[in-house]
Amino acid sequence: MTTHNDDVDWDRWPVADYLAENYREVHPSDAAIIAHHSAFYRRFPPGGIDRSVEFGAGPNLYPLILASAACRRIDAVEAGAGSVAYLQEQICHRLDASWLPFHALCRELNPDVPATLAGALAPVNVVHADVRTLPPGFYELASMHFVAEGATEDFDEFADFCRTFVRTVTPGGHLVAAFMENLPTHRIGPASHWPGCPVNPTTVTEVFTPLTRDLDVTHIDTDRTLPDYGDSGMVLLTGVAEPV
């Protein structure tokens, strides 16, 4: 039986286990994504983007840090209550020291990132909402990390999430994203299972080609320092939205 997004209780997402497994240190795949995305954000002057969105933010802070180099306002939109609570705690109360090396690398590769981690997160507005309810064409830039392929086991629903992602920006708006390659249904922590939709550079290109121009899709090999979720690496994307 295929699991769809609405079959999952995202409030139960194991935030602590996910962070412990993936973000307590800068892994080689993180460094590769940060290098790729830093080159993307260096295209824009500081504050050159009025409004951006992190589409399905989860508890991962480094996409928000990267966006701070160019964006005056960053809406971190997330459906899961646990991830929302973590983001709000980080931004409003206290910052986990484990994010400091991520901030340092982001700033090394793009000096337009604010000088402190707190400063980099200052433009972030946490929005507790389903990304599918976002108004079309509201943002100038949209970022997405490990969302569409991790929200469902159904390829058509994956493609629908990608179309919604593109629609959040005005035509001509900018897109940056990362996907787990060939992610199956997988375990996080000792006892929880979560959906996965296997995709690769070819399928990502096929989905985004009719939705974008200036599309660039690249690949990162499997990171052996991360848990084995059954994936075969990561797919990175940049592009410009066409009318959808």
C-alpha atoms as a PDB file:
ATOM      1  CA  MET A   1       0.000   0.000   0.000  1.00  0.00           C
ATOM      2  CA  THR A   2       1.445   3.358  -1.085  1.00  0.00           C
ATOM      3  CA  THR A   3       1.855   5.983   1.635  1.00  0.00           C
ATOM      4  CA  HIS A   4       0.829   9.515   0.680  1.00  0.00           C
ATOM      5  CA  ASN A   5       1.612  12.743   2.500  1.00  0.00           C
ATOM      6  CA  ASP A   6      -1.782  12.968   4.189  1.00  0.00           C
ATOM      7  CA  ASP A   7      -1.381   9.450   5.587  1.00  0.00           C
ATOM      8  CA  VAL A   8       1.493  10.649   7.804  1.00  0.00           C
ATOM      9  CA  ASP A   9       1.273  12.416  11.175  1.00  0.00           C
ATOM     10  CA  TRP A  10       4.028  14.971  10.636  1.00  0.00           C
ATOM     11  CA  ASP A  11       3.641  16.230  14.191  1.00  0.00           C
ATOM     12  CA  ARG A  12       5.374  12.965  15.187  1.00  0.00           C
ATOM     13  CA  TRP A  13       8.485  13.674  13.108  1.00  0.00           C
ATOM     14  CA  PRO A  14      11.423  12.641  15.355  1.00  0.00           C
ATOM     15  CA  VAL A  15      13.219  15.979  15.439  1.00  0.00           C
ATOM     16  CA  ALA A  16      15.818  15.040  18.072  1.00  0.00           C
ATOM     17  CA  ASP A  17      16.740  11.768  16.324  1.00  0.00           C
ATOM     18  CA  TYR A  18      16.891  13.461  12.927  1.00  0.00           C
ATOM     19  CA  LEU A  19      19.203  16.186  14.187  1.00  0.00           C
ATOM     20  CA  ALA A  20      21.405  13.702  16.042  1.00  0.00           C
ATOM     21  CA  GLU A  21      21.779  11.512  12.959  1.00  0.00           C
ATOM     22  CA  ASN A  22      22.348  14.281  10.425  1.00  0.00           C
ATOM     23  CA  TYR A  23      23.266  17.727  11.781  1.00  0.00           C
ATOM     24  CA  ARG A  24      25.516  17.535  14.821  1.00  0.00           C
ATOM     25  CA  GLU A  25      28.533  18.039  12.555  1.00  0.00           C
ATOM     26  CA  VAL A  26      29.200  19.277   9.033  1.00  0.00           C
ATOM     27  CA  HIS A  27      29.265  16.161   6.866  1.00  0.00           C
ATOM     28  CA  PRO A  28      30.915  16.131   3.426  1.00  0.00           C
ATOM     29  CA  SER A  29      27.500  16.218   1.740  1.00  0.00           C
ATOM     30  CA  ASP A  30      26.552  19.297   3.785  1.00  0.00           C
ATOM     31  CA  ALA A  31      29.763  21.000   2.719  1.00  0.00           C
ATOM     32  CA  ALA A  32      29.034  20.151  -0.923  1.00  0.00           C
ATOM     33  CA  ILE A  33      25.485  21.510  -0.717  1.00  0.00           C
ATOM     34  CA  ILE A  34      26.666  24.664   1.044  1.00  0.00           C
ATOM     35  CA  ALA A  35      29.317  25.230  -1.642  1.00  0.00           C
ATOM     36  CA  HIS A  36      26.758  24.700  -4.425  1.00  0.00           C
ATOM     37  CA  HIS A  37      24.154  26.952  -2.815  1.00  0.00           C
ATOM     38  CA  SER A  38      26.684  29.629  -1.868  1.00  0.00           C
ATOM     39  CA  ALA A  39      27.534  30.019  -5.544  1.00  0.00           C
ATOM     40  CA  PHE A  40      23.809  30.408  -6.246  1.00  0.00           C
ATOM     41  CA  TYR A  41      23.296  33.065  -3.548  1.00  0.00           C
ATOM     42  CA  ARG A  42      26.394  35.004  -4.600  1.00  0.00           C
ATOM     43  CA  ARG A  43      24.437  36.000  -7.719  1.00  0.00           C
ATOM     44  CA  PHE A  44      22.351  38.362  -5.596  1.00  0.00           C
ATOM     45  CA  PRO A  45      23.393  41.499  -3.722  1.00  0.00           C
ATOM     46  CA  PRO A  46      22.827  41.595   0.052  1.00  0.00           C
ATOM     47  CA  GLY A  47      19.140  42.229   0.622  1.00  0.00           C
ATOM     48  CA  GLY A  48      18.470  41.851  -3.095  1.00  0.00           C
ATOM     49  CA  ILE A  49      15.574  39.445  -2.497  1.00  0.00           C
ATOM     50  CA  ASP A  50      12.601  40.940  -0.660  1.00  0.00           C
ATOM     51  CA  ARG A  51      10.776  37.694   0.272  1.00  0.00           C
ATOM     52  CA  SER A  52      11.917  34.073   0.100  1.00  0.00           C
ATOM     53  CA  VAL A  53      10.450  30.801   1.351  1.00  0.00           C
ATOM     54  CA  GLU A  54      12.011  27.653   2.781  1.00  0.00           C
ATOM     55  CA  PHE A  55       9.466  25.130   1.494  1.00  0.00           C
ATOM     56  CA  GLY A  56       8.985  22.534   4.236  1.00  0.00           C
ATOM     57  CA  ALA A  57      11.745  23.843   6.469  1.00  0.00           C
ATOM     58  CA  GLY A  58      12.037  21.017   8.992  1.00  0.00           C
ATOM     59  CA  PRO A  59      14.613  21.594  11.731  1.00  0.00           C
ATOM     60  CA  ASN A  60      17.536  22.191   9.347  1.00  0.00           C
ATOM     61  CA  LEU A  61      18.993  25.677   9.874  1.00  0.00           C
ATOM     62  CA  TYR A  62      21.705  25.874   7.218  1.00  0.00           C
ATOM     63  CA  PRO A  63      19.373  26.594   4.262  1.00  0.00           C
ATOM     64  CA  LEU A  64      18.099  29.557   6.264  1.00  0.00           C
ATOM     65  CA  ILE A  65      21.641  30.705   7.012  1.00  0.00           C
ATOM     66  CA  LEU A  66      22.518  30.503   3.312  1.00  0.00           C
ATOM     67  CA  ALA A  67      19.448  32.518   2.314  1.00  0.00           C
ATOM     68  CA  SER A  68      20.305  35.285   4.777  1.00  0.00           C
ATOM     69  CA  ALA A  69      23.080  36.458   2.443  1.00  0.00           C
ATOM     70  CA  ALA A  70      20.500  37.769  -0.016  1.00  0.00           C
ATOM     71  CA  CYS A  71      17.020  37.780   1.531  1.00  0.00           C
ATOM     72  CA  ARG A  72      15.412  40.459   3.685  1.00  0.00           C
ATOM     73  CA  ARG A  73      12.619  38.119   4.824  1.00  0.00           C
ATOM     74  CA  ILE A  74      12.702  34.309   4.889  1.00  0.00           C
ATOM     75  CA  ASP A  75       9.467  32.433   5.607  1.00  0.00           C
ATOM     76  CA  ALA A  76      10.316  29.003   7.037  1.00  0.00           C
ATOM     77  CA  VAL A  77       7.096  27.117   6.276  1.00  0.00           C
ATOM     78  CA  GLU A  78       6.659  23.814   8.107  1.00  0.00           C
ATOM     79  CA  ALA A  79       3.669  21.577   8.883  1.00  0.00           C
ATOM     80  CA  GLY A  80       5.145  19.469  11.692  1.00  0.00           C
ATOM     81  CA  ALA A  81       4.609  20.837  15.203  1.00  0.00           C
ATOM     82  CA  GLY A  82       7.910  19.461  16.516  1.00  0.00           C
ATOM     83  CA  SER A  83       9.956  21.073  13.767  1.00  0.00           C
ATOM     84  CA  VAL A  84       8.101  24.367  14.202  1.00  0.00           C
ATOM     85  CA  ALA A  85       8.803  24.319  17.941  1.00  0.00           C
ATOM     86  CA  TYR A  86      12.494  23.634  17.302  1.00  0.00           C
ATOM     87  CA  LEU A  87      12.786  26.474  14.787  1.00  0.00           C
ATOM     88  CA  GLN A  88      11.028  28.896  17.111  1.00  0.00           C
ATOM     89  CA  GLU A  89      13.262  27.881  20.016  1.00  0.00           C
ATOM     90  CA  GLN A  90      16.391  28.359  17.938  1.00  0.00           C
ATOM     91  CA  ILE A  91      15.407  31.706  16.517  1.00  0.00           C
ATOM     92  CA  CYS A  92      13.708  33.235  19.564  1.00  0.00           C
ATOM     93  CA  HIS A  93      15.433  31.707  22.568  1.00  0.00           C
ATOM     94  CA  ARG A  94      18.682  29.774  22.268  1.00  0.00           C
ATOM     95  CA  LEU A  95      20.880  28.475  19.487  1.00  0.00           C
ATOM     96  CA  ASP A  96      22.439  25.015  19.460  1.00  0.00           C
ATOM     97  CA  ALA A  97      26.226  25.386  19.260  1.00  0.00           C
ATOM     98  CA  SER A  98      26.297  22.587  16.662  1.00  0.00           C
ATOM     99  CA  TRP A  99      25.068  25.092  14.049  1.00  0.00           C
ATOM    100  CA  LEU A 100      28.081  27.382  14.517  1.00  0.00           C
ATOM    101  CA  PRO A 101      30.373  25.398  12.150  1.00  0.00           C
ATOM    102  CA  PHE A 102      27.614  25.452   9.521  1.00  0.00           C
ATOM    103  CA  HIS A 103      27.358  29.218   9.868  1.00  0.00           C
ATOM    104  CA  ALA A 104      31.141  29.589   9.673  1.00  0.00           C
ATOM    105  CA  LEU A 105      31.294  27.599   6.429  1.00  0.00           C
ATOM    106  CA  CYS A 106      28.372  29.498   4.904  1.00  0.00           C
ATOM    107  CA  ARG A 107      30.058  32.809   5.733  1.00  0.00           C
ATOM    108  CA  GLU A 108      33.451  31.618   4.495  1.00  0.00           C
ATOM    109  CA  LEU A 109      31.933  30.780   1.117  1.00  0.00           C
ATOM    110  CA  ASN A 110      29.705  33.855   0.985  1.00  0.00           C
ATOM    111  CA  PRO A 111      30.816  36.821   3.129  1.00  0.00           C
ATOM    112  CA  ASP A 112      27.380  38.401   2.638  1.00  0.00           C
ATOM    113  CA  VAL A 113      26.047  35.979   5.261  1.00  0.00           C
ATOM    114  CA  PRO A 114      25.648  38.015   8.480  1.00  0.00           C
ATOM    115  CA  ALA A 115      28.603  37.833  10.844  1.00  0.00           C
ATOM    116  CA  THR A 116      26.775  36.012  13.640  1.00  0.00           C
ATOM    117  CA  LEU A 117      24.482  33.006  13.633  1.00  0.00           C
ATOM    118  CA  ALA A 118      21.792  35.019  15.409  1.00  0.00           C
ATOM    119  CA  GLY A 119      22.134  37.723  12.776  1.00  0.00           C
ATOM    120  CA  ALA A 120      21.784  35.183   9.986  1.00  0.00           C
ATOM    121  CA  LEU A 121      18.534  33.881  11.492  1.00  0.00           C
ATOM    122  CA  ALA A 122      17.097  37.335  12.239  1.00  0.00           C
ATOM    123  CA  PRO A 123      15.247  37.549   8.871  1.00  0.00           C
ATOM    124  CA  VAL A 124      13.496  34.197   9.464  1.00  0.00           C
ATOM    125  CA  ASN A 125       9.752  34.088  10.099  1.00  0.00           C
ATOM    126  CA  VAL A 126       8.506  30.640  11.184  1.00  0.00           C
ATOM    127  CA  VAL A 127       5.152  29.747   9.591  1.00  0.00           C
ATOM    128  CA  HIS A 128       3.234  26.711  10.881  1.00  0.00           C
ATOM    129  CA  ALA A 129       1.408  25.672   7.718  1.00  0.00           C
ATOM    130  CA  ASP A 130       1.074  23.081   4.977  1.00  0.00           C
ATOM    131  CA  VAL A 131       3.189  24.219   2.029  1.00  0.00           C
ATOM    132  CA  ARG A 132       0.339  23.271  -0.296  1.00  0.00           C
ATOM    133  CA  THR A 133      -1.675  26.215   1.080  1.00  0.00           C
ATOM    134  CA  LEU A 134       0.915  28.847   0.129  1.00  0.00           C
ATOM    135  CA  PRO A 135      -0.376  31.551  -2.235  1.00  0.00           C
ATOM    136  CA  PRO A 136       1.039  31.346  -5.763  1.00  0.00           C
ATOM    137  CA  GLY A 137       3.550  33.901  -6.936  1.00  0.00           C
ATOM    138  CA  PHE A 138       4.141  35.462  -3.518  1.00  0.00           C
ATOM    139  CA  TYR A 139       7.913  34.965  -3.278  1.00  0.00           C
ATOM    140  CA  GLU A 140      10.916  36.016  -5.329  1.00  0.00           C
ATOM    141  CA  LEU A 141      12.953  32.960  -4.325  1.00  0.00           C
ATOM    142  CA  ALA A 142      12.080  29.474  -3.073  1.00  0.00           C
ATOM    143  CA  SER A 143      14.368  26.925  -1.441  1.00  0.00           C
ATOM    144  CA  MET A 144      13.538  23.270  -0.690  1.00  0.00           C
ATOM    145  CA  HIS A 145      15.605  20.558   1.005  1.00  0.00           C
ATOM    146  CA  PHE A 146      14.661  16.873   1.144  1.00  0.00           C
ATOM    147  CA  VAL A 147      10.914  17.592   1.169  1.00  0.00           C
ATOM    148  CA  ALA A 148       9.062  16.463  -1.959  1.00  0.00           C
ATOM    149  CA  GLU A 149      10.760  13.044  -2.120  1.00  0.00           C
ATOM    150  CA  GLY A 150      10.453  12.539   1.638  1.00  0.00           C
ATOM    151  CA  ALA A 151       6.755  13.435   1.906  1.00  0.00           C
ATOM    152  CA  THR A 152       5.262  10.593  -0.103  1.00  0.00           C
ATOM    153  CA  GLU A 153       5.885   7.227  -1.753  1.00  0.00           C
ATOM    154  CA  ASP A 154       3.877   8.249  -4.827  1.00  0.00           C
ATOM    155  CA  PHE A 155       5.768   9.737  -7.782  1.00  0.00           C
ATOM    156  CA  ASP A 156       2.772  11.730  -9.042  1.00  0.00           C
ATOM    157  CA  GLU A 157       2.423  13.341  -5.616  1.00  0.00           C
ATOM    158  CA  PHE A 158       6.175  14.072  -5.624  1.00  0.00           C
ATOM    159  CA  ALA A 159       5.713  15.855  -8.958  1.00  0.00           C
ATOM    160  CA  ASP A 160       2.731  17.773  -7.556  1.00  0.00           C
ATOM    161  CA  PHE A 161       4.863  18.976  -4.626  1.00  0.00           C
ATOM    162  CA  CYS A 162       7.513  20.152  -7.102  1.00  0.00           C
ATOM    163  CA  ARG A 163       4.937  22.068  -9.133  1.00  0.00           C
ATOM    164  CA  THR A 164       3.617  23.691  -5.953  1.00  0.00           C
ATOM    165  CA  PHE A 165       7.198  24.614  -5.034  1.00  0.00           C
ATOM    166  CA  VAL A 166       7.688  26.364  -8.371  1.00  0.00           C
ATOM    167  CA  ARG A 167       4.290  28.091  -8.146  1.00  0.00           C
ATOM    168  CA  THR A 168       5.210  29.756  -4.847  1.00  0.00           C
ATOM    169  CA  VAL A 169       7.489  32.173  -6.726  1.00  0.00           C
ATOM    170  CA  THR A 170       6.516  34.771  -9.251  1.00  0.00           C
ATOM    171  CA  PRO A 171       7.391  33.850 -12.872  1.00  0.00           C
ATOM    172  CA  GLY A 172      11.067  34.663 -13.213  1.00  0.00           C
ATOM    173  CA  GLY A 173      11.624  33.875  -9.542  1.00  0.00           C
ATOM    174  CA  HIS A 174      14.617  31.829  -8.450  1.00  0.00           C
ATOM    175  CA  LEU A 175      14.712  28.223  -7.236  1.00  0.00           C
ATOM    176  CA  VAL A 176      17.284  26.188  -5.329  1.00  0.00           C
ATOM    177  CA  ALA A 177      16.721  22.672  -4.007  1.00  0.00           C
ATOM    178  CA  ALA A 178      18.263  19.426  -2.832  1.00  0.00           C
ATOM    179  CA  PHE A 179      16.780  15.920  -3.019  1.00  0.00           C
ATOM    180  CA  MET A 180      17.849  12.569  -1.624  1.00  0.00           C
ATOM    181  CA  GLU A 181      18.568  10.291  -4.587  1.00  0.00           C
ATOM    182  CA  ASN A 182      16.651   6.983  -4.634  1.00  0.00           C
ATOM    183  CA  LEU A 183      15.317   7.493  -1.110  1.00  0.00           C
ATOM    184  CA  PRO A 184      13.130   4.545  -0.069  1.00  0.00           C
ATOM    185  CA  THR A 185      10.787   4.271   2.891  1.00  0.00           C
ATOM    186  CA  HIS A 186      13.294   4.592   5.716  1.00  0.00           C
ATOM    187  CA  ARG A 187      13.843   4.601   9.461  1.00  0.00           C
ATOM    188  CA  ILE A 188      14.846   7.577  11.603  1.00  0.00           C
ATOM    189  CA  GLY A 189      15.737   6.871  15.202  1.00  0.00           C
ATOM    190  CA  PRO A 190      15.110   3.510  16.834  1.00  0.00           C
ATOM    191  CA  ALA A 191      11.520   2.861  15.808  1.00  0.00           C
ATOM    192  CA  SER A 192       9.999   5.278  13.288  1.00  0.00           C
ATOM    193  CA  HIS A 193       9.417   4.714   9.567  1.00  0.00           C
ATOM    194  CA  TRP A 194       8.894   7.509   7.044  1.00  0.00           C
ATOM    195  CA  PRO A 195       7.967   7.615   3.355  1.00  0.00           C
ATOM    196  CA  GLY A 196      10.388   8.014   0.491  1.00  0.00           C
ATOM    197  CA  CYS A 197       9.969   8.404  -3.260  1.00  0.00           C
ATOM    198  CA  PRO A 198      13.011   7.256  -5.271  1.00  0.00           C
ATOM    199  CA  VAL A 199      14.132   9.993  -7.690  1.00  0.00           C
ATOM    200  CA  ASN A 200      17.371  10.698  -9.543  1.00  0.00           C
ATOM    201  CA  PRO A 201      18.839  13.465 -11.725  1.00  0.00           C
ATOM    202  CA  THR A 202      16.923  12.240 -14.771  1.00  0.00           C
ATOM    203  CA  THR A 203      13.525  12.184 -13.082  1.00  0.00           C
ATOM    204  CA  VAL A 204      14.126  15.515 -11.332  1.00  0.00           C
ATOM    205  CA  THR A 205      15.094  17.041 -14.694  1.00  0.00           C
ATOM    206  CA  GLU A 206      11.976  15.595 -16.339  1.00  0.00           C
ATOM    207  CA  VAL A 207       9.708  17.059 -13.661  1.00  0.00           C
ATOM    208  CA  PHE A 208      11.287  20.525 -13.621  1.00  0.00           C
ATOM    209  CA  THR A 209      12.039  21.048 -17.331  1.00  0.00           C
ATOM    210  CA  PRO A 210       8.484  22.139 -18.252  1.00  0.00           C
ATOM    211  CA  LEU A 211       8.290  24.325 -15.135  1.00  0.00           C
ATOM    212  CA  THR A 212      11.572  26.233 -15.401  1.00  0.00           C
ATOM    213  CA  ARG A 213      14.272  27.757 -17.541  1.00  0.00           C
ATOM    214  CA  ASP A 214      18.012  27.933 -16.903  1.00  0.00           C
ATOM    215  CA  LEU A 215      17.663  24.588 -15.131  1.00  0.00           C
ATOM    216  CA  ASP A 216      20.826  23.073 -13.678  1.00  0.00           C
ATOM    217  CA  VAL A 217      20.754  19.634 -12.035  1.00  0.00           C
ATOM    218  CA  THR A 218      23.824  18.054 -10.448  1.00  0.00           C
ATOM    219  CA  HIS A 219      24.590  15.040  -8.279  1.00  0.00           C
ATOM    220  CA  ILE A 220      26.489  14.286  -5.053  1.00  0.00           C
ATOM    221  CA  ASP A 221      27.663  10.751  -4.346  1.00  0.00           C
ATOM    222  CA  THR A 222      26.600   8.822  -1.258  1.00  0.00           C
ATOM    223  CA  ASP A 223      27.989  10.265   1.974  1.00  0.00           C
ATOM    224  CA  ARG A 224      29.326   7.323   4.006  1.00  0.00           C
ATOM    225  CA  THR A 225      29.515   9.476   7.142  1.00  0.00           C
ATOM    226  CA  LEU A 226      25.701   9.694   7.266  1.00  0.00           C
ATOM    227  CA  PRO A 227      23.269   6.948   8.324  1.00  0.00           C
ATOM    228  CA  ASP A 228      22.385   4.496   5.560  1.00  0.00           C
ATOM    229  CA  TYR A 229      18.818   5.446   4.696  1.00  0.00           C
ATOM    230  CA  GLY A 230      19.013   3.423   1.490  1.00  0.00           C
ATOM    231  CA  ASP A 231      19.637   6.440  -0.742  1.00  0.00           C
ATOM    232  CA  SER A 232      22.399   6.701  -3.343  1.00  0.00           C
ATOM    233  CA  GLY A 233      23.434  10.331  -2.898  1.00  0.00           C
ATOM    234  CA  MET A 234      21.808  13.700  -3.471  1.00  0.00           C
ATOM    235  CA  VAL A 235      20.484  15.719  -6.392  1.00  0.00           C
ATOM    236  CA  LEU A 236      20.969  19.513  -6.423  1.00  0.00           C
ATOM    237  CA  LEU A 237      18.964  21.959  -8.515  1.00  0.00           C
ATOM    238  CA  THR A 238      18.850  25.605  -9.465  1.00  0.00           C
ATOM    239  CA  GLY A 239      16.517  27.227 -11.951  1.00  0.00           C
ATOM    240  CA  VAL A 240      14.194  30.077 -12.796  1.00  0.00           C
ATOM    241  CA  ALA A 241      10.430  29.602 -12.583  1.00  0.00           C
ATOM    242  CA  GLU A 242       8.247  29.774 -15.654  1.00  0.00           C
ATOM    243  CA  PRO A 243       4.481  30.393 -15.368  1.00  0.00           C
ATOM    244  CA  VAL A 244       2.824  27.230 -14.022  1.00  0.00           C
END
